[in-house]
Amino acid sequence: MRGSGLTDSGLTAQSEHTYKFNVKMTCSGCSGAVDRVLKKTEGVSSYDISLEKQEVIVKGTIPYDDLHAKIAKTGKEVISGTTVE
């Protein structure tokens, strides 16, 4: 359908974004919890977790608010987050 925002498969086309979150992580268990959640989150194409920088960079089509909620559900404090691109 022209102008509907739908692809040929009928799914809404979503562009990929890069998000950066500052997450309070104090040990490898903390970063591991975030890793486990991101690994099984639909719409996440890649991610990098830095315990040293307390930073999580995520690329994907998942909306920012949904991703923020997924990370917060691990019990880790999300100090800040932004859309990089």
PDB file of N, CA and C in Angstrom:
ATOM      1  N   MET A   1       0.841  -1.174   0.000  1.00  0.00           N
ATOM      2  CA  MET A   1       0.000   0.000   0.000  1.00  0.00           C
ATOM      3  C   MET A   1       0.884   1.234   0.000  1.00  0.00           C
ATOM      4  N   ARG A   2       0.674   2.067  -0.909  1.00  0.00           N
ATOM      5  CA  ARG A   2       1.484   3.269  -1.019  1.00  0.00           C
ATOM      6  C   ARG A   2       1.167   4.248   0.113  1.00  0.00           C
ATOM      7  N   GLY A   3       2.218   4.736   0.769  1.00  0.00           N
ATOM      8  CA  GLY A   3       2.051   5.735   1.811  1.00  0.00           C
ATOM      9  C   GLY A   3       1.550   5.191   3.142  1.00  0.00           C
ATOM     10  N   SER A   4       1.427   3.888   3.270  1.00  0.00           N
ATOM     11  CA  SER A   4       0.896   3.326   4.512  1.00  0.00           C
ATOM     12  C   SER A   4       1.983   3.050   5.541  1.00  0.00           C
ATOM     13  N   GLY A   5       3.261   3.096   5.131  1.00  0.00           N
ATOM     14  CA  GLY A   5       4.350   2.767   6.043  1.00  0.00           C
ATOM     15  C   GLY A   5       4.542   1.271   6.197  1.00  0.00           C
ATOM     16  N   LEU A   6       3.858   0.492   5.374  1.00  0.00           N
ATOM     17  CA  LEU A   6       3.979  -0.956   5.450  1.00  0.00           C
ATOM     18  C   LEU A   6       4.927  -1.461   4.382  1.00  0.00           C
ATOM     19  N   THR A   7       5.661  -2.494   4.702  1.00  0.00           N
ATOM     20  CA  THR A   7       6.526  -3.132   3.724  1.00  0.00           C
ATOM     21  C   THR A   7       5.707  -4.171   2.978  1.00  0.00           C
ATOM     22  N   ASP A   8       6.308  -4.831   2.005  1.00  0.00           N
ATOM     23  CA  ASP A   8       5.608  -5.862   1.246  1.00  0.00           C
ATOM     24  C   ASP A   8       5.124  -6.992   2.139  1.00  0.00           C
ATOM     25  N   SER A   9       5.823  -7.255   3.225  1.00  0.00           N
ATOM     26  CA  SER A   9       5.436  -8.347   4.116  1.00  0.00           C
ATOM     27  C   SER A   9       4.309  -7.941   5.059  1.00  0.00           C
ATOM     28  N   GLY A  10       3.916  -6.663   5.021  1.00  0.00           N
ATOM     29  CA  GLY A  10       2.830  -6.199   5.866  1.00  0.00           C
ATOM     30  C   GLY A  10       3.294  -5.677   7.212  1.00  0.00           C
ATOM     31  N   LEU A  11       4.580  -5.713   7.476  1.00  0.00           N
ATOM     32  CA  LEU A  11       5.105  -5.216   8.737  1.00  0.00           C
ATOM     33  C   LEU A  11       5.485  -3.751   8.590  1.00  0.00           C
ATOM     34  N   THR A  12       5.342  -3.006   9.642  1.00  0.00           N
ATOM     35  CA  THR A  12       5.720  -1.604   9.611  1.00  0.00           C
ATOM     36  C   THR A  12       7.240  -1.489   9.498  1.00  0.00           C
ATOM     37  N   ALA A  13       7.693  -0.676   8.562  1.00  0.00           N
ATOM     38  CA  ALA A  13       9.132  -0.467   8.394  1.00  0.00           C
ATOM     39  C   ALA A  13       9.623   0.432   9.524  1.00  0.00           C
ATOM     40  N   GLN A  14      10.669   0.003  10.205  1.00  0.00           N
ATOM     41  CA  GLN A  14      11.238   0.788  11.288  1.00  0.00           C
ATOM     42  C   GLN A  14      12.715   0.996  10.997  1.00  0.00           C
ATOM     43  N   SER A  15      13.170   2.207  11.238  1.00  0.00           N
ATOM     44  CA  SER A  15      14.583   2.464  11.005  1.00  0.00           C
ATOM     45  C   SER A  15      15.386   2.095  12.247  1.00  0.00           C
ATOM     46  N   GLU A  16      16.643   1.774  12.018  1.00  0.00           N
ATOM     47  CA  GLU A  16      17.521   1.380  13.112  1.00  0.00           C
ATOM     48  C   GLU A  16      18.105   2.624  13.775  1.00  0.00           C
ATOM     49  N   HIS A  17      18.204   2.581  15.084  1.00  0.00           N
ATOM     50  CA  HIS A  17      18.769   3.677  15.864  1.00  0.00           C
ATOM     51  C   HIS A  17      19.886   3.140  16.745  1.00  0.00           C
ATOM     52  N   THR A  18      20.719   4.057  17.223  1.00  0.00           N
ATOM     53  CA  THR A  18      21.739   3.716  18.205  1.00  0.00           C
ATOM     54  C   THR A  18      21.422   4.493  19.477  1.00  0.00           C
ATOM     55  N   TYR A  19      21.381   3.766  20.587  1.00  0.00           N
ATOM     56  CA  TYR A  19      21.071   4.367  21.878  1.00  0.00           C
ATOM     57  C   TYR A  19      22.253   4.183  22.821  1.00  0.00           C
ATOM     58  N   LYS A  20      22.445   5.161  23.695  1.00  0.00           N
ATOM     59  CA  LYS A  20      23.510   5.085  24.695  1.00  0.00           C
ATOM     60  C   LYS A  20      22.882   5.286  26.070  1.00  0.00           C
ATOM     61  N   PHE A  21      23.119   4.326  26.953  1.00  0.00           N
ATOM     62  CA  PHE A  21      22.597   4.395  28.313  1.00  0.00           C
ATOM     63  C   PHE A  21      23.748   4.356  29.310  1.00  0.00           C
ATOM     64  N   ASN A  22      23.672   5.194  30.326  1.00  0.00           N
ATOM     65  CA  ASN A  22      24.586   5.109  31.458  1.00  0.00           C
ATOM     66  C   ASN A  22      23.847   4.311  32.521  1.00  0.00           C
ATOM     67  N   VAL A  23      24.379   3.136  32.846  1.00  0.00           N
ATOM     68  CA  VAL A  23      23.715   2.205  33.751  1.00  0.00           C
ATOM     69  C   VAL A  23      24.640   1.907  34.926  1.00  0.00           C
ATOM     70  N   LYS A  24      24.098   2.003  36.136  1.00  0.00           N
ATOM     71  CA  LYS A  24      24.892   1.733  37.338  1.00  0.00           C
ATOM     72  C   LYS A  24      25.116   0.229  37.452  1.00  0.00           C
ATOM     73  N   MET A  25      26.350  -0.191  37.155  1.00  0.00           N
ATOM     74  CA  MET A  25      26.737  -1.603  37.217  1.00  0.00           C
ATOM     75  C   MET A  25      28.016  -1.686  38.040  1.00  0.00           C
ATOM     76  N   THR A  26      28.018  -2.535  39.065  1.00  0.00           N
ATOM     77  CA  THR A  26      29.173  -2.601  39.962  1.00  0.00           C
ATOM     78  C   THR A  26      29.999  -3.869  39.813  1.00  0.00           C
ATOM     79  N   CYS A  27      29.479  -4.850  39.082  1.00  0.00           N
ATOM     80  CA  CYS A  27      30.214  -6.110  38.950  1.00  0.00           C
ATOM     81  C   CYS A  27      29.828  -6.809  37.643  1.00  0.00           C
ATOM     82  N   SER A  28      30.507  -7.908  37.353  1.00  0.00           N
ATOM     83  CA  SER A  28      30.204  -8.642  36.124  1.00  0.00           C
ATOM     84  C   SER A  28      28.812  -9.270  36.172  1.00  0.00           C
ATOM     85  N   GLY A  29      28.290  -9.504  37.368  1.00  0.00           N
ATOM     86  CA  GLY A  29      26.921 -10.006  37.490  1.00  0.00           C
ATOM     87  C   GLY A  29      25.914  -8.974  37.010  1.00  0.00           C
ATOM     88  N   CYS A  30      26.200  -7.707  37.300  1.00  0.00           N
ATOM     89  CA  CYS A  30      25.328  -6.610  36.859  1.00  0.00           C
ATOM     90  C   CYS A  30      25.317  -6.511  35.335  1.00  0.00           C
ATOM     91  N   SER A  31      26.506  -6.490  34.747  1.00  0.00           N
ATOM     92  CA  SER A  31      26.583  -6.389  33.288  1.00  0.00           C
ATOM     93  C   SER A  31      26.036  -7.654  32.645  1.00  0.00           C
ATOM     94  N   GLY A  32      26.193  -8.791  33.319  1.00  0.00           N
ATOM     95  CA  GLY A  32      25.650 -10.050  32.809  1.00  0.00           C
ATOM     96  C   GLY A  32      24.136 -10.039  32.760  1.00  0.00           C
ATOM     97  N   ALA A  33      23.507  -9.410  33.753  1.00  0.00           N
ATOM     98  CA  ALA A  33      22.045  -9.309  33.772  1.00  0.00           C
ATOM     99  C   ALA A  33      21.554  -8.492  32.579  1.00  0.00           C
ATOM    100  N   VAL A  34      22.239  -7.389  32.301  1.00  0.00           N
ATOM    101  CA  VAL A  34      21.876  -6.552  31.153  1.00  0.00           C
ATOM    102  C   VAL A  34      22.101  -7.334  29.859  1.00  0.00           C
ATOM    103  N   ASP A  35      23.211  -8.050  29.780  1.00  0.00           N
ATOM    104  CA  ASP A  35      23.530  -8.866  28.604  1.00  0.00           C
ATOM    105  C   ASP A  35      22.429  -9.899  28.338  1.00  0.00           C
ATOM    106  N   ARG A  36      21.996 -10.595  29.373  1.00  0.00           N
ATOM    107  CA  ARG A  36      20.965 -11.631  29.201  1.00  0.00           C
ATOM    108  C   ARG A  36      19.660 -11.049  28.674  1.00  0.00           C
ATOM    109  N   VAL A  37      19.288  -9.869  29.161  1.00  0.00           N
ATOM    110  CA  VAL A  37      18.049  -9.236  28.713  1.00  0.00           C
ATOM    111  C   VAL A  37      18.167  -8.781  27.260  1.00  0.00           C
ATOM    112  N   LEU A  38      19.278  -8.123  26.919  1.00  0.00           N
ATOM    113  CA  LEU A  38      19.444  -7.615  25.557  1.00  0.00           C
ATOM    114  C   LEU A  38      19.542  -8.746  24.546  1.00  0.00           C
ATOM    115  N   LYS A  39      20.169  -9.849  24.943  1.00  0.00           N
ATOM    116  CA  LYS A  39      20.357 -11.000  24.060  1.00  0.00           C
ATOM    117  C   LYS A  39      19.021 -11.547  23.551  1.00  0.00           C
ATOM    118  N   LYS A  40      17.998 -11.486  24.389  1.00  0.00           N
ATOM    119  CA  LYS A  40      16.708 -12.053  23.987  1.00  0.00           C
ATOM    120  C   LYS A  40      15.643 -10.998  23.680  1.00  0.00           C
ATOM    121  N   THR A  41      16.057  -9.744  23.515  1.00  0.00           N
ATOM    122  CA  THR A  41      15.115  -8.674  23.208  1.00  0.00           C
ATOM    123  C   THR A  41      14.959  -8.514  21.701  1.00  0.00           C
ATOM    124  N   GLU A  42      13.733  -8.677  21.239  1.00  0.00           N
ATOM    125  CA  GLU A  42      13.435  -8.514  19.817  1.00  0.00           C
ATOM    126  C   GLU A  42      13.634  -7.052  19.425  1.00  0.00           C
ATOM    127  N   GLY A  43      14.238  -6.827  18.276  1.00  0.00           N
ATOM    128  CA  GLY A  43      14.476  -5.470  17.796  1.00  0.00           C
ATOM    129  C   GLY A  43      15.864  -4.952  18.125  1.00  0.00           C
ATOM    130  N   VAL A  44      16.670  -5.750  18.838  1.00  0.00           N
ATOM    131  CA  VAL A  44      18.054  -5.375  19.144  1.00  0.00           C
ATOM    132  C   VAL A  44      18.958  -6.120  18.173  1.00  0.00           C
ATOM    133  N   SER A  45      19.708  -5.370  17.354  1.00  0.00           N
ATOM    134  CA  SER A  45      20.583  -6.020  16.370  1.00  0.00           C
ATOM    135  C   SER A  45      22.003  -6.203  16.900  1.00  0.00           C
ATOM    136  N   SER A  46      22.468  -5.284  17.752  1.00  0.00           N
ATOM    137  CA  SER A  46      23.792  -5.426  18.364  1.00  0.00           C
ATOM    138  C   SER A  46      23.861  -4.540  19.601  1.00  0.00           C
ATOM    139  N   TYR A  47      24.818  -4.856  20.464  1.00  0.00           N
ATOM    140  CA  TYR A  47      24.999  -4.048  21.668  1.00  0.00           C
ATOM    141  C   TYR A  47      26.407  -4.237  22.210  1.00  0.00           C
ATOM    142  N   ASP A  48      26.829  -3.260  23.009  1.00  0.00           N
ATOM    143  CA  ASP A  48      28.131  -3.321  23.665  1.00  0.00           C
ATOM    144  C   ASP A  48      27.943  -2.840  25.101  1.00  0.00           C
ATOM    145  N   ILE A  49      28.405  -3.628  26.046  1.00  0.00           N
ATOM    146  CA  ILE A  49      28.279  -3.289  27.460  1.00  0.00           C
ATOM    147  C   ILE A  49      29.673  -3.055  28.021  1.00  0.00           C
ATOM    148  N   SER A  50      29.895  -1.877  28.599  1.00  0.00           N
ATOM    149  CA  SER A  50      31.179  -1.566  29.227  1.00  0.00           C
ATOM    150  C   SER A  50      30.957  -1.387  30.727  1.00  0.00           C
ATOM    151  N   LEU A  51      31.409  -2.372  31.499  1.00  0.00           N
ATOM    152  CA  LEU A  51      31.319  -2.279  32.958  1.00  0.00           C
ATOM    153  C   LEU A  51      32.200  -1.139  33.461  1.00  0.00           C
ATOM    154  N   GLU A  52      33.376  -0.999  32.859  1.00  0.00           N
ATOM    155  CA  GLU A  52      34.323   0.046  33.262  1.00  0.00           C
ATOM    156  C   GLU A  52      33.726   1.448  33.099  1.00  0.00           C
ATOM    157  N   LYS A  53      33.072   1.690  31.956  1.00  0.00           N
ATOM    158  CA  LYS A  53      32.467   3.004  31.684  1.00  0.00           C
ATOM    159  C   LYS A  53      31.039   3.104  32.216  1.00  0.00           C
ATOM    160  N   GLN A  54      30.482   1.964  32.665  1.00  0.00           N
ATOM    161  CA  GLN A  54      29.082   1.872  33.086  1.00  0.00           C
ATOM    162  C   GLN A  54      28.172   2.390  31.972  1.00  0.00           C
ATOM    163  N   GLU A  55      28.413   1.842  30.781  1.00  0.00           N
ATOM    164  CA  GLU A  55      27.755   2.318  29.569  1.00  0.00           C
ATOM    165  C   GLU A  55      27.239   1.141  28.749  1.00  0.00           C
ATOM    166  N   VAL A  56      26.064   1.315  28.188  1.00  0.00           N
ATOM    167  CA  VAL A  56      25.476   0.306  27.309  1.00  0.00           C
ATOM    168  C   VAL A  56      25.102   0.999  26.005  1.00  0.00           C
ATOM    169  N   ILE A  57      25.658   0.525  24.892  1.00  0.00           N
ATOM    170  CA  ILE A  57      25.349   1.050  23.560  1.00  0.00           C
ATOM    171  C   ILE A  57      24.536  -0.025  22.844  1.00  0.00           C
ATOM    172  N   VAL A  58      23.378   0.364  22.329  1.00  0.00           N
ATOM    173  CA  VAL A  58      22.492  -0.601  21.681  1.00  0.00           C
ATOM    174  C   VAL A  58      22.085  -0.087  20.310  1.00  0.00           C
ATOM    175  N   LYS A  59      22.144  -0.975  19.302  1.00  0.00           N
ATOM    176  CA  LYS A  59      21.643  -0.668  17.961  1.00  0.00           C
ATOM    177  C   LYS A  59      20.440  -1.559  17.712  1.00  0.00           C
ATOM    178  N   GLY A  60      19.400  -0.960  17.143  1.00  0.00           N
ATOM    179  CA  GLY A  60      18.232  -1.766  16.831  1.00  0.00           C
ATOM    180  C   GLY A  60      17.038  -0.930  16.427  1.00  0.00           C
ATOM    181  N   THR A  61      15.958  -1.627  16.160  1.00  0.00           N
ATOM    182  CA  THR A  61      14.716  -0.975  15.743  1.00  0.00           C
ATOM    183  C   THR A  61      13.743  -0.813  16.908  1.00  0.00           C
ATOM    184  N   ILE A  62      14.087  -1.330  18.073  1.00  0.00           N
ATOM    185  CA  ILE A  62      13.231  -1.226  19.248  1.00  0.00           C
ATOM    186  C   ILE A  62      13.101   0.245  19.659  1.00  0.00           C
ATOM    187  N   PRO A  63      11.905   0.691  20.025  1.00  0.00           N
ATOM    188  CA  PRO A  63      11.740   2.081  20.472  1.00  0.00           C
ATOM    189  C   PRO A  63      12.528   2.362  21.758  1.00  0.00           C
ATOM    190  N   TYR A  64      12.988   3.584  21.901  1.00  0.00           N
ATOM    191  CA  TYR A  64      13.800   3.997  23.050  1.00  0.00           C
ATOM    192  C   TYR A  64      13.134   3.640  24.378  1.00  0.00           C
ATOM    193  N   ASP A  65      11.867   4.008  24.544  1.00  0.00           N
ATOM    194  CA  ASP A  65      11.178   3.778  25.820  1.00  0.00           C
ATOM    195  C   ASP A  65      11.087   2.297  26.167  1.00  0.00           C
ATOM    196  N   ASP A  66      10.861   1.458  25.172  1.00  0.00           N
ATOM    197  CA  ASP A  66      10.792   0.009  25.404  1.00  0.00           C
ATOM    198  C   ASP A  66      12.147  -0.528  25.856  1.00  0.00           C
ATOM    199  N   LEU A  67      13.201  -0.055  25.206  1.00  0.00           N
ATOM    200  CA  LEU A  67      14.551  -0.498  25.553  1.00  0.00           C
ATOM    201  C   LEU A  67      14.933  -0.029  26.960  1.00  0.00           C
ATOM    202  N   HIS A  68      14.631   1.220  27.267  1.00  0.00           N
ATOM    203  CA  HIS A  68      14.897   1.770  28.601  1.00  0.00           C
ATOM    204  C   HIS A  68      14.205   0.908  29.661  1.00  0.00           C
ATOM    205  N   ALA A  69      12.960   0.551  29.428  1.00  0.00           N
ATOM    206  CA  ALA A  69      12.195  -0.271  30.374  1.00  0.00           C
ATOM    207  C   ALA A  69      12.813  -1.658  30.538  1.00  0.00           C
ATOM    208  N   LYS A  70      13.279  -2.247  29.429  1.00  0.00           N
ATOM    209  CA  LYS A  70      13.903  -3.578  29.485  1.00  0.00           C
ATOM    210  C   LYS A  70      15.160  -3.550  30.353  1.00  0.00           C
ATOM    211  N   ILE A  71      15.991  -2.529  30.168  1.00  0.00           N
ATOM    212  CA  ILE A  71      17.221  -2.424  30.955  1.00  0.00           C
ATOM    213  C   ILE A  71      16.882  -2.167  32.425  1.00  0.00           C
ATOM    214  N   ALA A  72      15.928  -1.291  32.684  1.00  0.00           N
ATOM    215  CA  ALA A  72      15.536  -0.977  34.060  1.00  0.00           C
ATOM    216  C   ALA A  72      14.962  -2.200  34.773  1.00  0.00           C
ATOM    217  N   LYS A  73      14.312  -3.084  34.023  1.00  0.00           N
ATOM    218  CA  LYS A  73      13.721  -4.294  34.610  1.00  0.00           C
ATOM    219  C   LYS A  73      14.773  -5.234  35.192  1.00  0.00           C
ATOM    220  N   THR A  74      16.036  -5.062  34.813  1.00  0.00           N
ATOM    221  CA  THR A  74      17.102  -5.897  35.372  1.00  0.00           C
ATOM    222  C   THR A  74      17.387  -5.519  36.822  1.00  0.00           C
ATOM    223  N   GLY A  75      16.830  -4.390  37.267  1.00  0.00           N
ATOM    224  CA  GLY A  75      17.091  -3.913  38.621  1.00  0.00           C
ATOM    225  C   GLY A  75      18.264  -2.951  38.694  1.00  0.00           C
ATOM    226  N   LYS A  76      18.892  -2.709  37.549  1.00  0.00           N
ATOM    227  CA  LYS A  76      20.019  -1.779  37.499  1.00  0.00           C
ATOM    228  C   LYS A  76      19.481  -0.369  37.265  1.00  0.00           C
ATOM    229  N   GLU A  77      20.087   0.603  37.915  1.00  0.00           N
ATOM    230  CA  GLU A  77      19.646   1.989  37.769  1.00  0.00           C
ATOM    231  C   GLU A  77      20.126   2.557  36.433  1.00  0.00           C
ATOM    232  N   VAL A  78      19.180   3.034  35.631  1.00  0.00           N
ATOM    233  CA  VAL A  78      19.518   3.701  34.376  1.00  0.00           C
ATOM    234  C   VAL A  78      19.659   5.183  34.717  1.00  0.00           C
ATOM    235  N   ILE A  79      20.897   5.650  34.755  1.00  0.00           N
ATOM    236  CA  ILE A  79      21.186   7.024  35.160  1.00  0.00           C
ATOM    237  C   ILE A  79      20.758   8.009  34.080  1.00  0.00           C
ATOM    238  N   SER A  80      21.063   7.680  32.830  1.00  0.00           N
ATOM    239  CA  SER A  80      20.663   8.530  31.709  1.00  0.00           C
ATOM    240  C   SER A  80      20.654   7.701  30.435  1.00  0.00           C
ATOM    241  N   GLY A  81      20.015   8.248  29.432  1.00  0.00           N
ATOM    242  CA  GLY A  81      19.967   7.582  28.138  1.00  0.00           C
ATOM    243  C   GLY A  81      19.712   8.593  27.042  1.00  0.00           C
ATOM    244  N   THR A  82      20.261   8.328  25.862  1.00  0.00           N
ATOM    245  CA  THR A  82      20.056   9.230  24.738  1.00  0.00           C
ATOM    246  C   THR A  82      20.083   8.457  23.431  1.00  0.00           C
ATOM    247  N   THR A  83      19.481   9.053  22.429  1.00  0.00           N
ATOM    248  CA  THR A  83      19.540   8.501  21.083  1.00  0.00           C
ATOM    249  C   THR A  83      20.758   9.111  20.408  1.00  0.00           C
ATOM    250  N   VAL A  84      21.690   8.260  19.969  1.00  0.00           N
ATOM    251  CA  VAL A  84      22.927   8.738  19.354  1.00  0.00           C
ATOM    252  C   VAL A  84      22.709   9.036  17.877  1.00  0.00           C
ATOM    253  N   GLU A  85      21.997   8.151  17.178  1.00  0.00           N
ATOM    254  CA  GLU A  85      21.692   8.357  15.754  1.00  0.00           C
ATOM    255  C   GLU A  85      20.444   7.623  15.379  1.00  0.00           C
TER     256      GLU A  85
END
